[in-house]
C-alpha atoms as a PDB file:
ATOM      1  CA  MET A   1      11.458 -39.152   5.827  1.00  0.00           C
ATOM      2  CA  GLU A   2       8.861 -41.759   6.705  1.00  0.00           C
ATOM      3  CA  ILE A   3       5.498 -40.303   7.689  1.00  0.00           C
ATOM      4  CA  ARG A   4       2.119 -41.369   9.055  1.00  0.00           C
ATOM      5  CA  SER A   5      -1.157 -39.869   7.842  1.00  0.00           C
ATOM      6  CA  GLU A   6      -4.814 -40.193   8.768  1.00  0.00           C
ATOM      7  CA  PHE A   7      -8.137 -38.421   9.016  1.00  0.00           C
ATOM      8  CA  VAL A   8      -9.144 -37.370  12.524  1.00  0.00           C
ATOM      9  CA  THR A   9     -12.210 -35.540  13.813  1.00  0.00           C
ATOM     10  CA  THR A  10     -12.208 -32.559  16.139  1.00  0.00           C
ATOM     11  CA  LYS A  11     -14.776 -30.195  17.614  1.00  0.00           C
ATOM     12  CA  VAL A  12     -15.187 -26.575  16.489  1.00  0.00           C
ATOM     13  CA  SER A  13     -16.352 -23.787  18.800  1.00  0.00           C
ATOM     14  CA  ASP A  14     -19.720 -23.505  17.024  1.00  0.00           C
ATOM     15  CA  GLY A  15     -20.566 -27.068  18.039  1.00  0.00           C
ATOM     16  CA  THR A  16     -19.842 -28.691  14.681  1.00  0.00           C
ATOM     17  CA  SER A  17     -17.457 -31.576  14.098  1.00  0.00           C
ATOM     18  CA  MET A  18     -14.705 -31.234  11.512  1.00  0.00           C
ATOM     19  CA  ARG A  19     -12.339 -33.656   9.841  1.00  0.00           C
ATOM     20  CA  LEU A  20      -8.643 -32.902   9.668  1.00  0.00           C
ATOM     21  CA  TYR A  21      -6.258 -34.677   7.344  1.00  0.00           C
ATOM     22  CA  VAL A  22      -3.145 -35.066   9.464  1.00  0.00           C
ATOM     23  CA  ALA A  23       0.362 -36.086   8.475  1.00  0.00           C
ATOM     24  CA  ARG A  24       3.369 -36.320  10.764  1.00  0.00           C
ATOM     25  CA  PRO A  25       6.906 -37.651  10.767  1.00  0.00           C
ATOM     26  CA  ALA A  26       7.037 -41.258  11.913  1.00  0.00           C
ATOM     27  CA  GLY A  27       9.202 -41.851  14.925  1.00  0.00           C
ATOM     28  CA  ALA A  28      10.653 -38.470  15.832  1.00  0.00           C
ATOM     29  CA  ALA A  29       8.370 -35.976  17.548  1.00  0.00           C
ATOM     30  CA  PRO A  30       7.590 -33.001  15.282  1.00  0.00           C
ATOM     31  CA  GLY A  31       8.904 -29.650  16.455  1.00  0.00           C
ATOM     32  CA  ARG A  32       6.665 -27.472  14.265  1.00  0.00           C
ATOM     33  CA  GLY A  33       3.014 -27.341  13.357  1.00  0.00           C
ATOM     34  CA  LEU A  34       1.386 -26.301  10.092  1.00  0.00           C
ATOM     35  CA  ILE A  35      -2.229 -25.632   9.135  1.00  0.00           C
ATOM     36  CA  VAL A  36      -2.779 -26.477   5.445  1.00  0.00           C
ATOM     37  CA  MET A  37      -5.745 -24.628   3.948  1.00  0.00           C
ATOM     38  CA  GLN A  38      -7.582 -26.333   1.087  1.00  0.00           C
ATOM     39  CA  GLU A  39      -8.503 -25.171  -2.381  1.00  0.00           C
ATOM     40  CA  ALA A  40     -12.174 -24.919  -3.361  1.00  0.00           C
ATOM     41  CA  PHE A  41     -12.016 -28.605  -4.320  1.00  0.00           C
ATOM     42  CA  GLY A  42     -11.862 -29.905  -0.763  1.00  0.00           C
ATOM     43  CA  ILE A  43      -9.375 -32.146   1.009  1.00  0.00           C
ATOM     44  CA  ASN A  44      -8.634 -33.947  -2.234  1.00  0.00           C
ATOM     45  CA  ALA A  45      -5.612 -35.959  -3.316  1.00  0.00           C
ATOM     46  CA  HIS A  46      -3.624 -32.810  -4.071  1.00  0.00           C
ATOM     47  CA  ILE A  47      -4.156 -31.269  -0.631  1.00  0.00           C
ATOM     48  CA  ARG A  48      -3.448 -34.598   1.041  1.00  0.00           C
ATOM     49  CA  ASP A  49      -0.222 -34.868  -0.949  1.00  0.00           C
ATOM     50  CA  ILE A  50       0.850 -31.353   0.055  1.00  0.00           C
ATOM     51  CA  THR A  51       0.092 -32.094   3.703  1.00  0.00           C
ATOM     52  CA  GLU A  52       2.263 -35.206   3.468  1.00  0.00           C
ATOM     53  CA  ARG A  53       5.064 -33.280   1.761  1.00  0.00           C
ATOM     54  CA  PHE A  54       5.214 -30.878   4.675  1.00  0.00           C
ATOM     55  CA  ALA A  55       5.244 -33.786   7.126  1.00  0.00           C
ATOM     56  CA  ARG A  56       8.353 -35.096   5.336  1.00  0.00           C
ATOM     57  CA  GLU A  57       9.938 -31.733   6.124  1.00  0.00           C
ATOM     58  CA  GLY A  58       9.347 -32.293   9.837  1.00  0.00           C
ATOM     59  CA  PHE A  59       5.982 -30.594  10.357  1.00  0.00           C
ATOM     60  CA  LEU A  60       2.953 -31.930  12.148  1.00  0.00           C
ATOM     61  CA  ALA A  61       0.605 -30.802   9.368  1.00  0.00           C
ATOM     62  CA  ALA A  62      -3.190 -30.659   9.516  1.00  0.00           C
ATOM     63  CA  ALA A  63      -5.624 -29.738   6.726  1.00  0.00           C
ATOM     64  CA  PRO A  64      -9.040 -28.712   8.114  1.00  0.00           C
ATOM     65  CA  GLU A  65     -12.113 -29.561   6.056  1.00  0.00           C
ATOM     66  CA  LEU A  66     -13.515 -26.043   5.616  1.00  0.00           C
ATOM     67  CA  PHE A  67     -16.680 -27.268   3.893  1.00  0.00           C
ATOM     68  CA  HIS A  68     -17.700 -29.579   6.736  1.00  0.00           C
ATOM     69  CA  ARG A  69     -20.871 -27.573   7.446  1.00  0.00           C
ATOM     70  CA  SER A  70     -22.202 -27.750   3.898  1.00  0.00           C
ATOM     71  CA  GLY A  71     -20.712 -30.933   2.468  1.00  0.00           C
ATOM     72  CA  ALA A  72     -18.658 -33.273   4.632  1.00  0.00           C
ATOM     73  CA  ASN A  73     -16.165 -35.358   2.637  1.00  0.00           C
ATOM     74  CA  PHE A  74     -16.657 -33.181  -0.460  1.00  0.00           C
ATOM     75  CA  GLU A  75     -14.019 -33.577  -3.164  1.00  0.00           C
ATOM     76  CA  GLY A  76     -14.618 -31.596  -6.349  1.00  0.00           C
ATOM     77  CA  ARG A  77     -13.119 -32.228  -9.764  1.00  0.00           C
ATOM     78  CA  TYR A  78     -10.850 -29.664 -11.357  1.00  0.00           C
ATOM     79  CA  ASP A  79     -13.034 -29.720 -14.463  1.00  0.00           C
ATOM     80  CA  ASP A  80     -16.203 -29.031 -12.447  1.00  0.00           C
ATOM     81  CA  PHE A  81     -15.752 -25.816 -10.492  1.00  0.00           C
ATOM     82  CA  GLN A  82     -19.535 -25.328 -10.420  1.00  0.00           C
ATOM     83  CA  SER A  83     -19.835 -28.159  -7.917  1.00  0.00           C
ATOM     84  CA  CYS A  84     -17.705 -26.122  -5.501  1.00  0.00           C
ATOM     85  CA  MET A  85     -19.820 -22.975  -5.713  1.00  0.00           C
ATOM     86  CA  PRO A  86     -22.590 -23.936  -3.239  1.00  0.00           C
ATOM     87  CA  HIS A  87     -19.999 -24.738  -0.578  1.00  0.00           C
ATOM     88  CA  MET A  88     -17.984 -21.583  -1.187  1.00  0.00           C
ATOM     89  CA  GLY A  89     -21.178 -19.549  -1.119  1.00  0.00           C
ATOM     90  CA  GLN A  90     -22.017 -20.794   2.369  1.00  0.00           C
ATOM     91  CA  LEU A  91     -18.550 -20.287   3.826  1.00  0.00           C
ATOM     92  CA  ARG A  92     -18.197 -17.244   6.099  1.00  0.00           C
ATOM     93  CA  ASP A  93     -15.104 -15.680   7.642  1.00  0.00           C
ATOM     94  CA  PRO A  94     -16.166 -16.436  11.251  1.00  0.00           C
ATOM     95  CA  ASN A  95     -16.472 -20.102  10.231  1.00  0.00           C
ATOM     96  CA  ILE A  96     -13.000 -20.087   8.681  1.00  0.00           C
ATOM     97  CA  GLU A  97     -11.536 -18.462  11.784  1.00  0.00           C
ATOM     98  CA  ALA A  98     -13.255 -21.027  14.023  1.00  0.00           C
ATOM     99  CA  ASP A  99     -11.992 -23.896  11.859  1.00  0.00           C
ATOM    100  CA  ALA A 100      -8.462 -22.498  11.866  1.00  0.00           C
ATOM    101  CA  ARG A 101      -8.609 -22.162  15.658  1.00  0.00           C
ATOM    102  CA  ALA A 102      -9.839 -25.756  15.976  1.00  0.00           C
ATOM    103  CA  ALA A 103      -6.956 -26.983  13.787  1.00  0.00           C
ATOM    104  CA  TYR A 104      -4.496 -24.874  15.786  1.00  0.00           C
ATOM    105  CA  ASP A 105      -5.801 -26.250  19.085  1.00  0.00           C
ATOM    106  CA  TRP A 106      -5.685 -29.805  17.725  1.00  0.00           C
ATOM    107  CA  LEU A 107      -2.030 -29.382  16.767  1.00  0.00           C
ATOM    108  CA  ARG A 108      -1.250 -27.975  20.201  1.00  0.00           C
ATOM    109  CA  GLY A 109      -2.968 -30.889  21.905  1.00  0.00           C
ATOM    110  CA  ASN A 110      -1.736 -33.745  19.742  1.00  0.00           C
ATOM    111  CA  GLY A 111       1.997 -33.972  19.559  1.00  0.00           C
ATOM    112  CA  LEU A 112       3.518 -30.508  19.474  1.00  0.00           C
ATOM    113  CA  PRO A 113       5.806 -29.604  22.367  1.00  0.00           C
ATOM    114  CA  SER A 114       4.738 -26.676  24.521  1.00  0.00           C
ATOM    115  CA  GLY A 115       5.587 -23.411  22.788  1.00  0.00           C
ATOM    116  CA  ALA A 116       6.346 -25.070  19.438  1.00  0.00           C
ATOM    117  CA  PRO A 117       5.810 -22.732  16.459  1.00  0.00           C
ATOM    118  CA  VAL A 118       2.731 -23.046  14.247  1.00  0.00           C
ATOM    119  CA  ALA A 119       2.319 -21.546  10.766  1.00  0.00           C
ATOM    120  CA  ALA A 120      -0.281 -21.699   7.985  1.00  0.00           C
ATOM    121  CA  VAL A 121      -0.157 -22.249   4.243  1.00  0.00           C
ATOM    122  CA  GLY A 122      -3.035 -22.185   1.772  1.00  0.00           C
ATOM    123  CA  TYR A 123      -3.889 -22.551  -1.891  1.00  0.00           C
ATOM    124  CA  CYS A 124      -6.489 -20.646  -3.932  1.00  0.00           C
ATOM    125  CA  MET A 125      -9.337 -19.887  -1.490  1.00  0.00           C
ATOM    126  CA  GLY A 126      -7.070 -21.484   1.107  1.00  0.00           C
ATOM    127  CA  GLY A 127      -4.472 -18.802   0.423  1.00  0.00           C
ATOM    128  CA  ARG A 128      -7.015 -16.256   1.595  1.00  0.00           C
ATOM    129  CA  ALA A 129      -7.890 -18.496   4.557  1.00  0.00           C
ATOM    130  CA  ALA A 130      -4.226 -18.694   5.595  1.00  0.00           C
ATOM    131  CA  VAL A 131      -3.969 -14.907   5.627  1.00  0.00           C
ATOM    132  CA  LEU A 132      -7.233 -14.660   7.576  1.00  0.00           C
ATOM    133  CA  ALA A 133      -5.890 -17.180  10.091  1.00  0.00           C
ATOM    134  CA  ALA A 134      -2.816 -15.011  10.571  1.00  0.00           C
ATOM    135  CA  THR A 135      -5.067 -12.108  11.624  1.00  0.00           C
ATOM    136  CA  ALA A 136      -6.798 -14.220  14.273  1.00  0.00           C
ATOM    137  CA  LEU A 137      -4.237 -16.705  15.617  1.00  0.00           C
ATOM    138  CA  PRO A 138      -0.747 -16.391  17.138  1.00  0.00           C
ATOM    139  CA  LEU A 139       0.956 -17.905  14.089  1.00  0.00           C
ATOM    140  CA  GLU A 140       4.637 -17.521  13.321  1.00  0.00           C
ATOM    141  CA  CYS A 141       3.982 -16.858   9.618  1.00  0.00           C
ATOM    142  CA  ALA A 142       1.607 -17.606   6.755  1.00  0.00           C
ATOM    143  CA  VAL A 143       2.058 -18.493   3.083  1.00  0.00           C
ATOM    144  CA  SER A 144      -0.607 -17.744   0.477  1.00  0.00           C
ATOM    145  CA  TYR A 145      -0.554 -19.299  -2.982  1.00  0.00           C
ATOM    146  CA  TYR A 146      -2.738 -17.349  -5.448  1.00  0.00           C
ATOM    147  CA  GLY A 147      -5.105 -16.314  -2.684  1.00  0.00           C
ATOM    148  CA  GLY A 148      -8.265 -15.173  -4.405  1.00  0.00           C
ATOM    149  CA  GLY A 149     -10.455 -12.913  -2.289  1.00  0.00           C
ATOM    150  CA  ILE A 150      -7.760 -11.188  -0.256  1.00  0.00           C
ATOM    151  CA  ALA A 151      -8.599  -8.221  -2.454  1.00  0.00           C
ATOM    152  CA  PRO A 152     -12.319  -7.692  -3.147  1.00  0.00           C
ATOM    153  CA  ASN A 153     -13.839  -9.580  -6.062  1.00  0.00           C
ATOM    154  CA  PRO A 154     -17.407 -10.241  -7.258  1.00  0.00           C
ATOM    155  CA  MET A 155     -17.694 -13.235  -4.920  1.00  0.00           C
ATOM    156  CA  ASN A 156     -15.963 -11.825  -1.866  1.00  0.00           C
ATOM    157  CA  PRO A 157     -15.630  -8.514   0.009  1.00  0.00           C
ATOM    158  CA  GLY A 158     -11.943  -9.172   0.579  1.00  0.00           C
ATOM    159  CA  LEU A 159      -9.643  -8.825   3.563  1.00  0.00           C
ATOM    160  CA  LEU A 160      -7.911  -5.514   2.891  1.00  0.00           C
ATOM    161  CA  GLY A 161      -9.443  -3.963   5.998  1.00  0.00           C
ATOM    162  CA  ARG A 162      -8.238  -6.880   8.111  1.00  0.00           C
ATOM    163  CA  LEU A 163      -4.601  -6.791   7.040  1.00  0.00           C
ATOM    164  CA  LYS A 164      -3.795  -4.238   9.730  1.00  0.00           C
ATOM    165  CA  ASP A 165      -4.547  -7.050  12.219  1.00  0.00           C
ATOM    166  CA  LEU A 166      -1.934  -9.451  10.833  1.00  0.00           C
ATOM    167  CA  LYS A 167       0.022 -11.043  13.647  1.00  0.00           C
ATOM    168  CA  ALA A 168       2.701 -12.665  11.485  1.00  0.00           C
ATOM    169  CA  PRO A 169       4.786 -12.178   8.332  1.00  0.00           C
ATOM    170  CA  VAL A 170       3.212 -13.389   5.089  1.00  0.00           C
ATOM    171  CA  LEU A 171       4.617 -14.768   1.854  1.00  0.00           C
ATOM    172  CA  LEU A 172       2.405 -14.203  -1.199  1.00  0.00           C
ATOM    173  CA  PHE A 173       2.668 -16.124  -4.475  1.00  0.00           C
ATOM    174  CA  TRP A 174       0.859 -14.983  -7.618  1.00  0.00           C
ATOM    175  CA  GLY A 175       0.767 -16.038 -11.252  1.00  0.00           C
ATOM    176  CA  GLY A 176       1.436 -13.257 -13.731  1.00  0.00           C
ATOM    177  CA  LYS A 177      -1.018 -14.853 -16.176  1.00  0.00           C
ATOM    178  CA  ASP A 178      -3.724 -15.504 -13.583  1.00  0.00           C
ATOM    179  CA  GLY A 179      -7.024 -14.499 -15.168  1.00  0.00           C
ATOM    180  CA  HIS A 180      -8.861 -14.964 -11.858  1.00  0.00           C
ATOM    181  CA  ILE A 181      -6.753 -12.502  -9.856  1.00  0.00           C
ATOM    182  CA  PRO A 182      -5.941  -9.389 -11.904  1.00  0.00           C
ATOM    183  CA  GLN A 183      -2.841  -7.274 -11.382  1.00  0.00           C
ATOM    184  CA  GLU A 184      -4.836  -4.510  -9.724  1.00  0.00           C
ATOM    185  CA  SER A 185      -5.929  -6.985  -7.059  1.00  0.00           C
ATOM    186  CA  THR A 186      -2.410  -8.121  -6.227  1.00  0.00           C
ATOM    187  CA  ARG A 187      -1.314  -4.489  -6.079  1.00  0.00           C
ATOM    188  CA  ALA A 188      -4.204  -3.678  -3.751  1.00  0.00           C
ATOM    189  CA  VAL A 189      -3.010  -6.405  -1.382  1.00  0.00           C
ATOM    190  CA  THR A 190       0.609  -5.260  -1.309  1.00  0.00           C
ATOM    191  CA  ASP A 191      -0.433  -1.603  -1.049  1.00  0.00           C
ATOM    192  CA  ALA A 192      -2.583  -2.415   1.988  1.00  0.00           C
ATOM    193  CA  LEU A 193       0.213  -4.425   3.601  1.00  0.00           C
ATOM    194  CA  LYS A 194       2.671  -1.636   2.987  1.00  0.00           C
ATOM    195  CA  ALA A 195       0.285   0.999   4.353  1.00  0.00           C
ATOM    196  CA  ALA A 196      -0.220  -1.103   7.491  1.00  0.00           C
ATOM    197  CA  GLY A 197       3.538  -1.526   7.950  1.00  0.00           C
ATOM    198  CA  LYS A 198       3.351  -5.309   7.789  1.00  0.00           C
ATOM    199  CA  ASN A 199       6.181  -7.745   7.098  1.00  0.00           C
ATOM    200  CA  TYR A 200       5.569  -9.436   3.771  1.00  0.00           C
ATOM    201  CA  VAL A 201       7.283 -10.996   0.768  1.00  0.00           C
ATOM    202  CA  ASN A 202       5.583 -10.766  -2.608  1.00  0.00           C
ATOM    203  CA  VAL A 203       6.501 -13.152  -5.445  1.00  0.00           C
ATOM    204  CA  GLU A 204       5.044 -13.147  -8.949  1.00  0.00           C
ATOM    205  CA  PHE A 205       5.840 -15.850 -11.472  1.00  0.00           C
ATOM    206  CA  SER A 206       5.340 -13.981 -14.736  1.00  0.00           C
ATOM    207  CA  GLU A 207       4.592 -17.063 -16.851  1.00  0.00           C
ATOM    208  CA  ALA A 208       2.361 -18.858 -14.343  1.00  0.00           C
ATOM    209  CA  ASP A 209      -1.417 -19.106 -14.238  1.00  0.00           C
ATOM    210  CA  HIS A 210      -3.821 -19.655 -11.355  1.00  0.00           C
ATOM    211  CA  GLY A 211      -3.234 -23.000  -9.644  1.00  0.00           C
ATOM    212  CA  PHE A 212       0.325 -23.274 -10.931  1.00  0.00           C
ATOM    213  CA  PHE A 213       1.444 -25.405  -7.983  1.00  0.00           C
ATOM    214  CA  CYS A 214      -1.140 -28.164  -8.498  1.00  0.00           C
ATOM    215  CA  ASP A 215       0.110 -30.950 -10.758  1.00  0.00           C
ATOM    216  CA  ALA A 216      -3.473 -32.216 -11.213  1.00  0.00           C
ATOM    217  CA  ARG A 217      -4.623 -29.014 -12.929  1.00  0.00           C
ATOM    218  CA  PRO A 218      -4.130 -28.023 -16.571  1.00  0.00           C
ATOM    219  CA  SER A 219      -2.599 -24.769 -15.318  1.00  0.00           C
ATOM    220  CA  TYR A 220       0.230 -26.590 -13.530  1.00  0.00           C
ATOM    221  CA  ASN A 221       3.541 -24.872 -14.170  1.00  0.00           C
ATOM    222  CA  PRO A 222       6.413 -27.192 -13.192  1.00  0.00           C
ATOM    223  CA  VAL A 223       9.032 -24.443 -13.322  1.00  0.00           C
ATOM    224  CA  ALA A 224       7.096 -22.091 -11.045  1.00  0.00           C
ATOM    225  CA  ALA A 225       6.147 -24.960  -8.735  1.00  0.00           C
ATOM    226  CA  LYS A 226       9.748 -26.116  -8.480  1.00  0.00           C
ATOM    227  CA  GLN A 227      10.867 -22.597  -7.590  1.00  0.00           C
ATOM    228  CA  ALA A 228       8.017 -21.891  -5.168  1.00  0.00           C
ATOM    229  CA  TRP A 229       8.603 -24.977  -3.023  1.00  0.00           C
ATOM    230  CA  PRO A 230      12.087 -24.100  -1.692  1.00  0.00           C
ATOM    231  CA  LEU A 231      11.002 -20.483  -1.233  1.00  0.00           C
ATOM    232  CA  THR A 232       8.121 -21.735   0.884  1.00  0.00           C
ATOM    233  CA  LEU A 233      10.355 -23.964   2.972  1.00  0.00           C
ATOM    234  CA  ALA A 234      12.892 -21.170   3.444  1.00  0.00           C
ATOM    235  CA  PHE A 235      10.195 -18.738   4.575  1.00  0.00           C
ATOM    236  CA  LEU A 236       8.672 -21.257   6.964  1.00  0.00           C
ATOM    237  CA  GLY A 237      12.133 -22.149   8.206  1.00  0.00           C
ATOM    238  CA  THR A 238      12.997 -18.525   8.912  1.00  0.00           C
ATOM    239  CA  TYR A 239      10.111 -18.237  11.344  1.00  0.00           C
ATOM    240  CA  THR A 240       9.609 -21.781  12.655  1.00  0.00           C
ATOM    241  CA  ALA A 241      13.010 -23.518  12.685  1.00  0.00           C
ATOM    242  CA  LYS A 242      14.376 -23.430  16.215  1.00  0.00           C
ATOM    243  CA  GLU A 243      17.894 -22.345  15.342  1.00  0.00           C
ATOM    244  CA  GLN A 244      16.634 -19.620  13.005  1.00  0.00           C
ATOM    245  CA  ARG A 245      13.898 -18.318  15.312  1.00  0.00           C
ATOM    246  CA  ALA A 246      16.565 -17.518  17.846  1.00  0.00           C
ATOM    247  CA  THR A 247      18.199 -15.042  15.473  1.00  0.00           C
ATOM    248  CA  ALA A 248      15.203 -13.861  13.386  1.00  0.00           C
END
């Protein structure tokens, strides 16, 4: 499918301006919206590529620049995580929620039909952000790839107490060899979801490491990535495709 992509700027409720990387099908009007949450490395080539991939599947997809308050246009290198730390350290959950709301409102006001479904997907810190968005926005579903910080860690208090507020089903992907997110953390997330009676799907790729979906990282796992992609599309389709929403 032919697509069009561009950076646009929108206003956030705190008075800041934020870039969105937007991709959409060319020609036909999109029937579904998707918020694509970045890794710690910004709206880089990988996140832009993912956003475009979803557009080829018929989504109006928008990736909000979550670091716009601390470093507009920031793109970190995968071999220099330290450059991301100052931006991550300044990011707060109310900011993420406001940015997600701004992206959601932009999608609603820029090409989606009235009542069209909107979902979220995120990678690394964006996986956490996608889950957070699903506690605050009327999303149809959310997908989290190796979402660090959903469970508490030394850098983050976690979201376990917020999971009771989830408004949508979630799909969680983890790497079994992920040294950044230990097994006890993934269990804490699923235990909290189960205790809250939430609708979730939990997938662990036993041979995959953190960042397994990113083909620009040394930890890229082509087998896990190839398997995760159709699972993601099927999950999104279950809750956003018109013919399937009618029977879901």
